[in-house]
Amino acid sequence: HGPMVMSFRVNAGALEEDHWSNDPAEGGGRVKGEVCHFVDLAAHIAGQRPTRVAASKIPTSSKTNENIVATIDFADGSSAGIFYTALGDVAYGKERFEVFCDGKVAVIDDFQQVELIGSGRSKRYKRGRHDKGHGDEMSHFFHVLQHGEDLAEEFWRSVESTQATLRLVDSLQQDTVLDVRDLRGA
């Protein structure tokens, strides 16, 4: 509970510049196609509405936005930094997330291992395989359909993280910090 500091590092691996995901019309670029998932995860972990974003491109010879640093601020003062790069070696781990809050730390490595640290103690949980939650997401979706549950809150959370992602793209193009409008109150 309370404000969190979140760090997301993604060692994505380079794509050819003509790869379909870099095509603005087909794939939308890596921010819209991949970074969006980390924006959504940060918003889910924070449990708050994104309020402000900033993004900068790391200068490389590539014309694509494969190497960015993004910051997302949330309504309760939480902040997430997303470091997305194609400059690393794919033999190194792909994703690492760290969350700091209330004197505790949670670390997720490659969706395989979780470490929880608090009160001077550490617990590790290892899954042994990548699990990004796709199966759980589909189970939840079908459960909601079968039981007629209200999805209004989940809908708004999706709208808010999508808007934050699109504002990150704008921030990259404009090289500035941008507010994320509260669409619920609009």
N, C-alpha and C. Protein backbone atom coordinates (compact mmCIF):
# COMPACT_ATOMS: atom_id res chain seq x y z
N HIS A 1 0.84 -1.19 0.00
CA HIS A 1 0.00 0.00 0.00
C HIS A 1 0.88 1.24 0.00
N GLY A 2 0.37 2.27 -0.60
CA GLY A 2 1.12 3.53 -0.63
C GLY A 2 1.97 3.64 -1.87
N PRO A 3 2.66 4.76 -1.99
CA PRO A 3 3.48 4.97 -3.18
C PRO A 3 4.54 3.88 -3.36
N MET A 4 4.75 3.52 -4.60
CA MET A 4 5.74 2.50 -4.98
C MET A 4 6.74 3.09 -5.95
N VAL A 5 7.93 2.52 -5.92
CA VAL A 5 8.92 2.78 -6.96
C VAL A 5 9.09 1.46 -7.69
N MET A 6 8.89 1.51 -9.01
CA MET A 6 8.97 0.29 -9.82
C MET A 6 10.01 0.47 -10.92
N SER A 7 10.78 -0.58 -11.14
CA SER A 7 11.80 -0.57 -12.18
C SER A 7 11.57 -1.80 -13.07
N PHE A 8 11.41 -1.56 -14.36
CA PHE A 8 11.19 -2.62 -15.34
C PHE A 8 12.32 -2.56 -16.36
N ARG A 9 13.10 -3.63 -16.47
CA ARG A 9 14.16 -3.69 -17.46
C ARG A 9 13.83 -4.79 -18.46
N VAL A 10 13.82 -4.42 -19.75
CA VAL A 10 13.50 -5.37 -20.80
C VAL A 10 14.66 -5.39 -21.80
N ASN A 11 15.32 -6.53 -21.88
CA ASN A 11 16.41 -6.77 -22.82
C ASN A 11 15.79 -7.48 -24.03
N ALA A 12 15.22 -6.69 -24.94
CA ALA A 12 14.32 -7.21 -25.96
C ALA A 12 14.99 -7.91 -27.14
N GLY A 13 16.22 -7.56 -27.44
CA GLY A 13 16.84 -8.10 -28.65
C GLY A 13 16.49 -7.24 -29.85
N ALA A 14 17.43 -7.07 -30.72
CA ALA A 14 17.24 -6.19 -31.88
C ALA A 14 16.37 -6.85 -32.96
N LEU A 15 15.64 -6.00 -33.66
CA LEU A 15 14.87 -6.43 -34.84
C LEU A 15 15.43 -5.72 -36.06
N GLU A 16 15.26 -6.34 -37.21
CA GLU A 16 15.62 -5.65 -38.46
C GLU A 16 14.73 -4.42 -38.59
N GLU A 17 15.26 -3.34 -39.14
CA GLU A 17 14.46 -2.12 -39.25
C GLU A 17 13.21 -2.31 -40.08
N ASP A 18 13.23 -3.26 -41.04
CA ASP A 18 12.04 -3.49 -41.87
C ASP A 18 11.11 -4.55 -41.28
N HIS A 19 11.35 -4.98 -40.05
CA HIS A 19 10.48 -5.96 -39.38
C HIS A 19 9.06 -5.39 -39.28
N TRP A 20 8.05 -6.23 -39.43
CA TRP A 20 6.65 -5.77 -39.44
C TRP A 20 6.28 -4.99 -38.18
N SER A 21 6.85 -5.33 -37.03
CA SER A 21 6.45 -4.61 -35.81
C SER A 21 6.97 -3.18 -35.80
N ASN A 22 7.97 -2.87 -36.61
CA ASN A 22 8.47 -1.49 -36.72
C ASN A 22 7.68 -0.66 -37.72
N ASP A 23 6.84 -1.29 -38.50
CA ASP A 23 6.02 -0.58 -39.48
C ASP A 23 4.91 0.17 -38.74
N PRO A 24 4.85 1.50 -38.87
CA PRO A 24 3.85 2.27 -38.13
C PRO A 24 2.41 1.82 -38.39
N ALA A 25 2.12 1.40 -39.62
CA ALA A 25 0.74 1.00 -39.95
C ALA A 25 0.43 -0.43 -39.50
N GLU A 26 1.41 -1.32 -39.59
CA GLU A 26 1.14 -2.72 -39.28
C GLU A 26 1.40 -3.07 -37.82
N GLY A 27 2.59 -2.77 -37.33
CA GLY A 27 2.95 -3.16 -35.96
C GLY A 27 2.90 -2.01 -34.97
N GLY A 28 3.01 -0.79 -35.47
CA GLY A 28 2.92 0.38 -34.60
C GLY A 28 4.20 0.74 -33.87
N GLY A 29 5.23 -0.07 -34.02
CA GLY A 29 6.48 0.18 -33.31
C GLY A 29 6.52 -0.59 -31.99
N ARG A 30 7.68 -0.65 -31.40
CA ARG A 30 7.86 -1.46 -30.21
C ARG A 30 7.22 -0.85 -28.96
N VAL A 31 7.05 0.45 -28.94
CA VAL A 31 6.36 1.03 -27.78
C VAL A 31 4.91 0.58 -27.77
N LYS A 32 4.22 0.74 -28.90
CA LYS A 32 2.82 0.32 -28.98
C LYS A 32 2.66 -1.20 -28.92
N GLY A 33 3.64 -1.94 -29.45
CA GLY A 33 3.50 -3.38 -29.56
C GLY A 33 4.06 -4.18 -28.39
N GLU A 34 5.02 -3.63 -27.66
CA GLU A 34 5.64 -4.38 -26.58
C GLU A 34 5.72 -3.61 -25.27
N VAL A 35 6.19 -2.38 -25.33
CA VAL A 35 6.32 -1.59 -24.10
C VAL A 35 4.95 -1.43 -23.44
N CYS A 36 3.89 -1.44 -24.25
CA CYS A 36 2.53 -1.30 -23.74
C CYS A 36 2.22 -2.32 -22.64
N HIS A 37 2.77 -3.53 -22.75
CA HIS A 37 2.51 -4.57 -21.75
C HIS A 37 3.14 -4.21 -20.40
N PHE A 38 4.27 -3.53 -20.43
CA PHE A 38 4.94 -3.15 -19.19
C PHE A 38 4.27 -1.92 -18.57
N VAL A 39 3.72 -1.06 -19.40
CA VAL A 39 2.91 0.05 -18.90
C VAL A 39 1.69 -0.53 -18.19
N ASP A 40 1.04 -1.49 -18.81
CA ASP A 40 -0.13 -2.14 -18.23
C ASP A 40 0.22 -2.85 -16.93
N LEU A 41 1.34 -3.55 -16.91
CA LEU A 41 1.76 -4.25 -15.69
C LEU A 41 2.05 -3.27 -14.57
N ALA A 42 2.72 -2.16 -14.88
CA ALA A 42 3.01 -1.14 -13.87
C ALA A 42 1.71 -0.57 -13.31
N ALA A 43 0.75 -0.28 -14.18
CA ALA A 43 -0.54 0.26 -13.73
C ALA A 43 -1.28 -0.76 -12.87
N HIS A 44 -1.20 -2.03 -13.23
CA HIS A 44 -1.84 -3.08 -12.46
C HIS A 44 -1.21 -3.20 -11.07
N ILE A 45 0.12 -3.20 -11.02
CA ILE A 45 0.81 -3.31 -9.74
C ILE A 45 0.53 -2.10 -8.86
N ALA A 46 0.58 -0.91 -9.45
CA ALA A 46 0.31 0.31 -8.67
C ALA A 46 -1.15 0.38 -8.24
N GLY A 47 -2.05 -0.15 -9.07
CA GLY A 47 -3.47 -0.07 -8.77
C GLY A 47 -3.99 1.36 -8.84
N GLN A 48 -3.30 2.17 -9.63
CA GLN A 48 -3.61 3.59 -9.73
C GLN A 48 -3.66 4.03 -11.18
N ARG A 49 -4.28 5.17 -11.40
CA ARG A 49 -4.36 5.77 -12.73
C ARG A 49 -3.05 6.47 -13.09
N PRO A 50 -2.51 6.22 -14.29
CA PRO A 50 -1.33 6.98 -14.74
C PRO A 50 -1.70 8.45 -14.90
N THR A 51 -0.83 9.34 -14.44
CA THR A 51 -1.12 10.77 -14.52
C THR A 51 -0.16 11.55 -15.41
N ARG A 52 1.08 11.03 -15.55
CA ARG A 52 2.07 11.76 -16.34
C ARG A 52 3.09 10.77 -16.88
N VAL A 53 3.57 11.03 -18.10
CA VAL A 53 4.56 10.16 -18.72
C VAL A 53 5.67 11.00 -19.34
N ALA A 54 6.83 10.36 -19.47
CA ALA A 54 7.95 10.96 -20.19
C ALA A 54 8.74 9.81 -20.80
N ALA A 55 9.27 10.03 -21.99
CA ALA A 55 10.07 9.00 -22.64
C ALA A 55 11.17 9.66 -23.46
N SER A 56 12.30 8.99 -23.49
CA SER A 56 13.38 9.47 -24.35
C SER A 56 14.00 8.28 -25.07
N LYS A 57 14.44 8.56 -26.27
CA LYS A 57 15.06 7.53 -27.11
C LYS A 57 16.57 7.59 -26.89
N ILE A 58 17.17 6.42 -26.77
CA ILE A 58 18.61 6.33 -26.67
C ILE A 58 19.16 6.47 -28.09
N PRO A 59 20.07 7.41 -28.32
CA PRO A 59 20.54 7.63 -29.69
C PRO A 59 21.38 6.45 -30.19
N THR A 60 20.92 5.85 -31.28
CA THR A 60 21.65 4.78 -31.97
C THR A 60 21.52 5.04 -33.46
N SER A 61 22.12 4.20 -34.25
CA SER A 61 22.01 4.37 -35.71
C SER A 61 20.63 3.94 -36.22
N SER A 62 19.86 3.22 -35.39
CA SER A 62 18.54 2.75 -35.79
C SER A 62 17.55 3.90 -35.88
N LYS A 63 16.64 3.80 -36.83
CA LYS A 63 15.59 4.81 -36.97
C LYS A 63 14.36 4.44 -36.15
N THR A 64 14.38 3.27 -35.52
CA THR A 64 13.24 2.81 -34.73
C THR A 64 13.43 3.15 -33.26
N ASN A 65 12.35 3.06 -32.50
CA ASN A 65 12.41 3.31 -31.06
C ASN A 65 12.56 1.98 -30.31
N GLU A 66 13.70 1.34 -30.51
CA GLU A 66 13.96 0.07 -29.85
C GLU A 66 14.68 0.25 -28.51
N ASN A 67 15.15 1.44 -28.23
CA ASN A 67 15.92 1.70 -27.02
C ASN A 67 15.39 2.97 -26.37
N ILE A 68 14.56 2.77 -25.35
CA ILE A 68 13.95 3.92 -24.71
C ILE A 68 14.02 3.80 -23.19
N VAL A 69 13.92 4.95 -22.56
CA VAL A 69 13.73 5.03 -21.11
C VAL A 69 12.43 5.80 -20.93
N ALA A 70 11.51 5.20 -20.19
CA ALA A 70 10.20 5.82 -19.97
C ALA A 70 9.92 5.91 -18.48
N THR A 71 9.22 6.96 -18.10
CA THR A 71 8.78 7.13 -16.71
C THR A 71 7.28 7.36 -16.71
N ILE A 72 6.61 6.69 -15.80
CA ILE A 72 5.16 6.84 -15.64
C ILE A 72 4.88 7.18 -14.19
N ASP A 73 4.18 8.28 -13.97
CA ASP A 73 3.76 8.66 -12.61
C ASP A 73 2.30 8.31 -12.45
N PHE A 74 1.93 7.96 -11.21
CA PHE A 74 0.57 7.52 -10.90
C PHE A 74 -0.08 8.44 -9.88
N ALA A 75 -1.40 8.34 -9.77
CA ALA A 75 -2.21 9.25 -8.96
C ALA A 75 -1.79 9.27 -7.49
N ASP A 76 -1.27 8.17 -6.95
CA ASP A 76 -0.90 8.14 -5.53
C ASP A 76 0.55 8.52 -5.29
N GLY A 77 1.27 8.95 -6.34
CA GLY A 77 2.67 9.32 -6.21
C GLY A 77 3.63 8.21 -6.60
N SER A 78 3.10 7.03 -6.91
CA SER A 78 3.96 5.94 -7.37
C SER A 78 4.61 6.32 -8.70
N SER A 79 5.75 5.70 -8.99
CA SER A 79 6.44 5.97 -10.24
C SER A 79 7.06 4.68 -10.77
N ALA A 80 7.02 4.52 -12.09
CA ALA A 80 7.61 3.36 -12.74
C ALA A 80 8.60 3.83 -13.79
N GLY A 81 9.77 3.21 -13.81
CA GLY A 81 10.75 3.44 -14.85
C GLY A 81 10.82 2.20 -15.72
N ILE A 82 10.69 2.38 -17.02
CA ILE A 82 10.78 1.26 -17.96
C ILE A 82 12.01 1.48 -18.83
N PHE A 83 12.91 0.54 -18.76
CA PHE A 83 14.14 0.59 -19.54
C PHE A 83 14.04 -0.52 -20.59
N TYR A 84 13.78 -0.14 -21.81
CA TYR A 84 13.54 -1.10 -22.90
C TYR A 84 14.69 -0.97 -23.88
N THR A 85 15.40 -2.07 -24.11
CA THR A 85 16.56 -1.98 -24.97
C THR A 85 16.71 -3.19 -25.90
N ALA A 86 17.27 -2.89 -27.07
CA ALA A 86 17.65 -3.92 -28.02
C ALA A 86 19.18 -3.93 -28.16
N LEU A 87 19.88 -3.27 -27.24
CA LEU A 87 21.33 -3.16 -27.33
C LEU A 87 22.06 -4.31 -26.64
N GLY A 88 21.35 -5.10 -25.84
CA GLY A 88 21.99 -6.16 -25.08
C GLY A 88 22.11 -7.47 -25.85
N ASP A 89 22.69 -8.45 -25.18
CA ASP A 89 22.84 -9.80 -25.73
C ASP A 89 21.62 -10.61 -25.31
N VAL A 90 21.01 -11.33 -26.25
CA VAL A 90 19.81 -12.11 -25.93
C VAL A 90 20.10 -13.28 -25.00
N ALA A 91 21.37 -13.62 -24.79
CA ALA A 91 21.72 -14.68 -23.84
C ALA A 91 21.49 -14.23 -22.40
N TYR A 92 21.44 -12.91 -22.19
CA TYR A 92 21.17 -12.37 -20.86
C TYR A 92 19.66 -12.39 -20.63
N GLY A 93 19.22 -12.40 -19.39
CA GLY A 93 17.80 -12.42 -19.08
C GLY A 93 17.02 -11.34 -19.81
N LYS A 94 15.78 -11.65 -20.15
CA LYS A 94 14.97 -10.70 -20.93
C LYS A 94 14.29 -9.66 -20.05
N GLU A 95 13.65 -10.08 -18.94
CA GLU A 95 12.84 -9.14 -18.17
C GLU A 95 13.15 -9.24 -16.68
N ARG A 96 13.28 -8.11 -16.05
CA ARG A 96 13.47 -8.05 -14.60
C ARG A 96 12.66 -6.87 -14.08
N PHE A 97 11.85 -7.15 -13.06
CA PHE A 97 11.01 -6.13 -12.46
C PHE A 97 11.33 -6.04 -10.97
N GLU A 98 11.43 -4.83 -10.48
CA GLU A 98 11.64 -4.62 -9.05
C GLU A 98 10.60 -3.63 -8.57
N VAL A 99 10.00 -3.94 -7.43
CA VAL A 99 8.99 -3.07 -6.83
C VAL A 99 9.41 -2.81 -5.39
N PHE A 100 9.47 -1.53 -5.02
CA PHE A 100 9.85 -1.10 -3.68
C PHE A 100 8.67 -0.39 -3.05
N CYS A 101 8.24 -0.84 -1.86
CA CYS A 101 7.08 -0.24 -1.21
C CYS A 101 7.01 -0.69 0.24
N ASP A 102 6.65 0.22 1.14
CA ASP A 102 6.41 -0.12 2.55
C ASP A 102 7.56 -0.90 3.17
N GLY A 103 8.81 -0.58 2.86
CA GLY A 103 9.94 -1.28 3.44
C GLY A 103 10.11 -2.69 2.92
N LYS A 104 9.49 -3.00 1.79
CA LYS A 104 9.57 -4.33 1.19
C LYS A 104 10.02 -4.22 -0.26
N VAL A 105 10.52 -5.33 -0.79
CA VAL A 105 10.96 -5.38 -2.18
C VAL A 105 10.44 -6.67 -2.80
N ALA A 106 9.95 -6.58 -4.02
CA ALA A 106 9.58 -7.77 -4.80
C ALA A 106 10.37 -7.71 -6.11
N VAL A 107 10.96 -8.84 -6.47
CA VAL A 107 11.76 -8.92 -7.70
C VAL A 107 11.25 -10.11 -8.52
N ILE A 108 10.97 -9.87 -9.79
CA ILE A 108 10.55 -10.93 -10.70
C ILE A 108 11.59 -11.01 -11.81
N ASP A 109 12.19 -12.19 -11.97
CA ASP A 109 13.17 -12.42 -13.03
C ASP A 109 12.59 -13.32 -14.11
N ASP A 110 12.50 -12.78 -15.31
CA ASP A 110 12.07 -13.53 -16.50
C ASP A 110 10.79 -14.33 -16.31
N PHE A 111 9.91 -13.85 -15.47
CA PHE A 111 8.64 -14.53 -15.19
C PHE A 111 8.87 -15.98 -14.77
N GLN A 112 10.02 -16.25 -14.19
CA GLN A 112 10.34 -17.60 -13.72
C GLN A 112 10.59 -17.65 -12.22
N GLN A 113 11.11 -16.56 -11.69
CA GLN A 113 11.49 -16.55 -10.28
C GLN A 113 11.02 -15.25 -9.63
N VAL A 114 10.51 -15.39 -8.41
CA VAL A 114 10.08 -14.23 -7.62
C VAL A 114 10.86 -14.26 -6.32
N GLU A 115 11.35 -13.10 -5.93
CA GLU A 115 11.99 -12.96 -4.63
C GLU A 115 11.27 -11.86 -3.87
N LEU A 116 10.86 -12.17 -2.64
CA LEU A 116 10.18 -11.21 -1.78
C LEU A 116 11.07 -10.93 -0.59
N ILE A 117 11.37 -9.66 -0.35
CA ILE A 117 12.26 -9.27 0.72
C ILE A 117 11.52 -8.31 1.65
N GLY A 118 11.54 -8.62 2.94
CA GLY A 118 10.91 -7.76 3.93
C GLY A 118 11.31 -8.18 5.33
N SER A 119 11.37 -7.24 6.24
CA SER A 119 11.75 -7.51 7.63
C SER A 119 13.08 -8.25 7.71
N GLY A 120 14.00 -7.92 6.81
CA GLY A 120 15.32 -8.53 6.84
C GLY A 120 15.39 -9.96 6.34
N ARG A 121 14.30 -10.46 5.80
CA ARG A 121 14.26 -11.85 5.30
C ARG A 121 13.92 -11.87 3.82
N SER A 122 14.32 -12.95 3.18
CA SER A 122 14.08 -13.10 1.76
C SER A 122 13.49 -14.49 1.49
N LYS A 123 12.47 -14.53 0.63
CA LYS A 123 11.89 -15.79 0.18
C LYS A 123 11.93 -15.81 -1.34
N ARG A 124 12.32 -16.97 -1.87
CA ARG A 124 12.38 -17.13 -3.33
C ARG A 124 11.41 -18.22 -3.76
N TYR A 125 10.78 -17.96 -4.88
CA TYR A 125 9.87 -18.92 -5.49
C TYR A 125 10.30 -19.08 -6.93
N LYS A 126 10.52 -20.30 -7.35
CA LYS A 126 10.96 -20.55 -8.72
C LYS A 126 9.94 -21.41 -9.44
N ARG A 127 9.55 -20.96 -10.60
CA ARG A 127 8.56 -21.67 -11.40
C ARG A 127 9.23 -22.65 -12.36
N GLY A 128 10.41 -22.29 -12.86
CA GLY A 128 11.14 -23.17 -13.76
C GLY A 128 10.78 -23.00 -15.22
N ARG A 129 9.70 -22.30 -15.51
CA ARG A 129 9.31 -22.03 -16.90
C ARG A 129 8.71 -20.63 -16.94
N HIS A 130 8.75 -20.04 -18.12
CA HIS A 130 8.15 -18.72 -18.28
C HIS A 130 6.65 -18.82 -18.11
N ASP A 131 6.09 -17.93 -17.30
CA ASP A 131 4.64 -17.88 -17.15
C ASP A 131 4.24 -16.42 -17.06
N LYS A 132 3.77 -15.89 -18.17
CA LYS A 132 3.37 -14.48 -18.21
C LYS A 132 1.89 -14.30 -17.92
N GLY A 133 1.23 -15.36 -17.48
CA GLY A 133 -0.15 -15.24 -17.04
C GLY A 133 -1.21 -15.36 -18.11
N HIS A 134 -0.84 -15.76 -19.33
CA HIS A 134 -1.83 -15.84 -20.41
C HIS A 134 -2.95 -16.82 -20.06
N GLY A 135 -2.59 -17.97 -19.52
CA GLY A 135 -3.61 -18.97 -19.16
C GLY A 135 -4.55 -18.45 -18.08
N ASP A 136 -3.99 -17.80 -17.05
CA ASP A 136 -4.81 -17.23 -15.99
C ASP A 136 -5.73 -16.13 -16.53
N GLU A 137 -5.20 -15.34 -17.45
CA GLU A 137 -6.00 -14.26 -18.04
C GLU A 137 -7.21 -14.83 -18.79
N MET A 138 -6.99 -15.87 -19.58
CA MET A 138 -8.09 -16.48 -20.32
C MET A 138 -9.10 -17.14 -19.38
N SER A 139 -8.61 -17.80 -18.33
CA SER A 139 -9.51 -18.41 -17.34
C SER A 139 -10.38 -17.35 -16.68
N HIS A 140 -9.76 -16.23 -16.33
CA HIS A 140 -10.52 -15.13 -15.71
C HIS A 140 -11.57 -14.59 -16.68
N PHE A 141 -11.18 -14.39 -17.94
CA PHE A 141 -12.10 -13.88 -18.94
C PHE A 141 -13.32 -14.78 -19.09
N PHE A 142 -13.10 -16.09 -19.21
CA PHE A 142 -14.22 -17.02 -19.36
C PHE A 142 -15.06 -17.10 -18.09
N HIS A 143 -14.42 -16.99 -16.94
CA HIS A 143 -15.15 -16.98 -15.67
C HIS A 143 -16.11 -15.77 -15.63
N VAL A 144 -15.61 -14.62 -16.03
CA VAL A 144 -16.43 -13.40 -16.05
C VAL A 144 -17.60 -13.56 -17.01
N LEU A 145 -17.34 -14.14 -18.19
CA LEU A 145 -18.42 -14.34 -19.16
C LEU A 145 -19.48 -15.29 -18.61
N GLN A 146 -19.06 -16.36 -17.96
CA GLN A 146 -19.99 -17.36 -17.44
C GLN A 146 -20.81 -16.83 -16.28
N HIS A 147 -20.22 -15.97 -15.46
CA HIS A 147 -20.90 -15.52 -14.24
C HIS A 147 -21.44 -14.08 -14.34
N GLY A 148 -21.29 -13.46 -15.50
CA GLY A 148 -21.85 -12.13 -15.72
C GLY A 148 -21.31 -11.06 -14.79
N GLU A 149 -20.02 -11.14 -14.43
CA GLU A 149 -19.44 -10.15 -13.53
C GLU A 149 -19.20 -8.83 -14.24
N ASP A 150 -19.19 -7.77 -13.47
CA ASP A 150 -18.98 -6.42 -13.98
C ASP A 150 -17.50 -6.21 -14.32
N LEU A 151 -17.23 -5.78 -15.52
CA LEU A 151 -15.87 -5.53 -15.97
C LEU A 151 -15.54 -4.04 -16.07
N ALA A 152 -16.37 -3.18 -15.52
CA ALA A 152 -16.18 -1.74 -15.68
C ALA A 152 -14.81 -1.28 -15.19
N GLU A 153 -14.39 -1.72 -14.01
CA GLU A 153 -13.10 -1.29 -13.47
C GLU A 153 -11.96 -1.80 -14.34
N GLU A 154 -12.02 -3.04 -14.75
CA GLU A 154 -10.97 -3.59 -15.61
C GLU A 154 -10.94 -2.88 -16.96
N PHE A 155 -12.11 -2.54 -17.48
CA PHE A 155 -12.18 -1.79 -18.73
C PHE A 155 -11.46 -0.45 -18.59
N TRP A 156 -11.77 0.29 -17.53
CA TRP A 156 -11.15 1.61 -17.33
C TRP A 156 -9.64 1.50 -17.12
N ARG A 157 -9.20 0.49 -16.41
CA ARG A 157 -7.75 0.29 -16.21
C ARG A 157 -7.07 0.04 -17.57
N SER A 158 -7.72 -0.71 -18.45
CA SER A 158 -7.16 -0.95 -19.78
C SER A 158 -7.12 0.32 -20.61
N VAL A 159 -8.19 1.11 -20.53
CA VAL A 159 -8.23 2.39 -21.26
C VAL A 159 -7.12 3.31 -20.76
N GLU A 160 -6.94 3.36 -19.44
CA GLU A 160 -5.92 4.26 -18.86
C GLU A 160 -4.51 3.84 -19.24
N SER A 161 -4.20 2.55 -19.22
CA SER A 161 -2.85 2.14 -19.59
C SER A 161 -2.62 2.29 -21.09
N THR A 162 -3.66 2.11 -21.89
CA THR A 162 -3.53 2.34 -23.33
C THR A 162 -3.26 3.81 -23.60
N GLN A 163 -4.00 4.68 -22.92
CA GLN A 163 -3.78 6.12 -23.10
C GLN A 163 -2.36 6.50 -22.68
N ALA A 164 -1.87 5.93 -21.58
CA ALA A 164 -0.50 6.22 -21.12
C ALA A 164 0.52 5.78 -22.16
N THR A 165 0.29 4.62 -22.78
CA THR A 165 1.20 4.13 -23.82
C THR A 165 1.21 5.08 -25.02
N LEU A 166 0.05 5.51 -25.46
CA LEU A 166 -0.03 6.43 -26.60
C LEU A 166 0.62 7.77 -26.27
N ARG A 167 0.50 8.20 -25.02
CA ARG A 167 1.16 9.45 -24.59
C ARG A 167 2.68 9.27 -24.54
N LEU A 168 3.16 8.03 -24.25
CA LEU A 168 4.60 7.77 -24.31
C LEU A 168 5.12 7.96 -25.73
N VAL A 169 4.36 7.47 -26.70
CA VAL A 169 4.74 7.65 -28.10
C VAL A 169 4.82 9.15 -28.42
N ASP A 170 3.81 9.91 -27.98
CA ASP A 170 3.82 11.36 -28.18
C ASP A 170 5.02 12.00 -27.49
N SER A 171 5.34 11.54 -26.28
CA SER A 171 6.46 12.08 -25.53
C SER A 171 7.78 11.84 -26.27
N LEU A 172 7.93 10.66 -26.87
CA LEU A 172 9.13 10.39 -27.66
C LEU A 172 9.24 11.35 -28.84
N GLN A 173 8.12 11.59 -29.51
CA GLN A 173 8.12 12.46 -30.69
C GLN A 173 8.33 13.93 -30.32
N GLN A 174 7.77 14.34 -29.18
CA GLN A 174 7.83 15.74 -28.78
C GLN A 174 8.98 16.05 -27.82
N ASP A 175 9.62 15.01 -27.30
CA ASP A 175 10.71 15.14 -26.34
C ASP A 175 10.29 16.01 -25.15
N THR A 176 9.16 15.62 -24.54
CA THR A 176 8.65 16.39 -23.40
C THR A 176 7.85 15.49 -22.46
N VAL A 177 7.62 15.99 -21.27
CA VAL A 177 6.77 15.31 -20.28
C VAL A 177 5.32 15.65 -20.62
N LEU A 178 4.44 14.64 -20.58
CA LEU A 178 3.04 14.86 -20.93
C LEU A 178 2.11 14.34 -19.85
N ASP A 179 1.02 15.06 -19.64
CA ASP A 179 -0.02 14.61 -18.72
C ASP A 179 -0.87 13.54 -19.40
N VAL A 180 -1.44 12.68 -18.57
CA VAL A 180 -2.38 11.67 -19.04
C VAL A 180 -3.74 12.09 -18.48
N ARG A 181 -4.66 12.40 -19.39
CA ARG A 181 -5.99 12.90 -18.98
C ARG A 181 -6.78 11.86 -18.20
N ASP A 182 -7.55 12.32 -17.25
CA ASP A 182 -8.48 11.45 -16.52
C ASP A 182 -9.74 11.33 -17.35
N LEU A 183 -9.86 10.22 -18.10
CA LEU A 183 -10.99 10.05 -19.00
C LEU A 183 -12.27 9.68 -18.28
N ARG A 184 -12.14 9.16 -17.06
CA ARG A 184 -13.36 8.80 -16.29
C ARG A 184 -14.14 10.05 -15.92
N GLY A 185 -13.42 11.12 -15.63
CA GLY A 185 -14.07 12.36 -15.23
C GLY A 185 -14.46 13.24 -16.41
N ALA A 186 -14.04 12.82 -17.63
CA ALA A 186 -14.28 13.66 -18.81
C ALA A 186 -15.74 13.65 -19.22
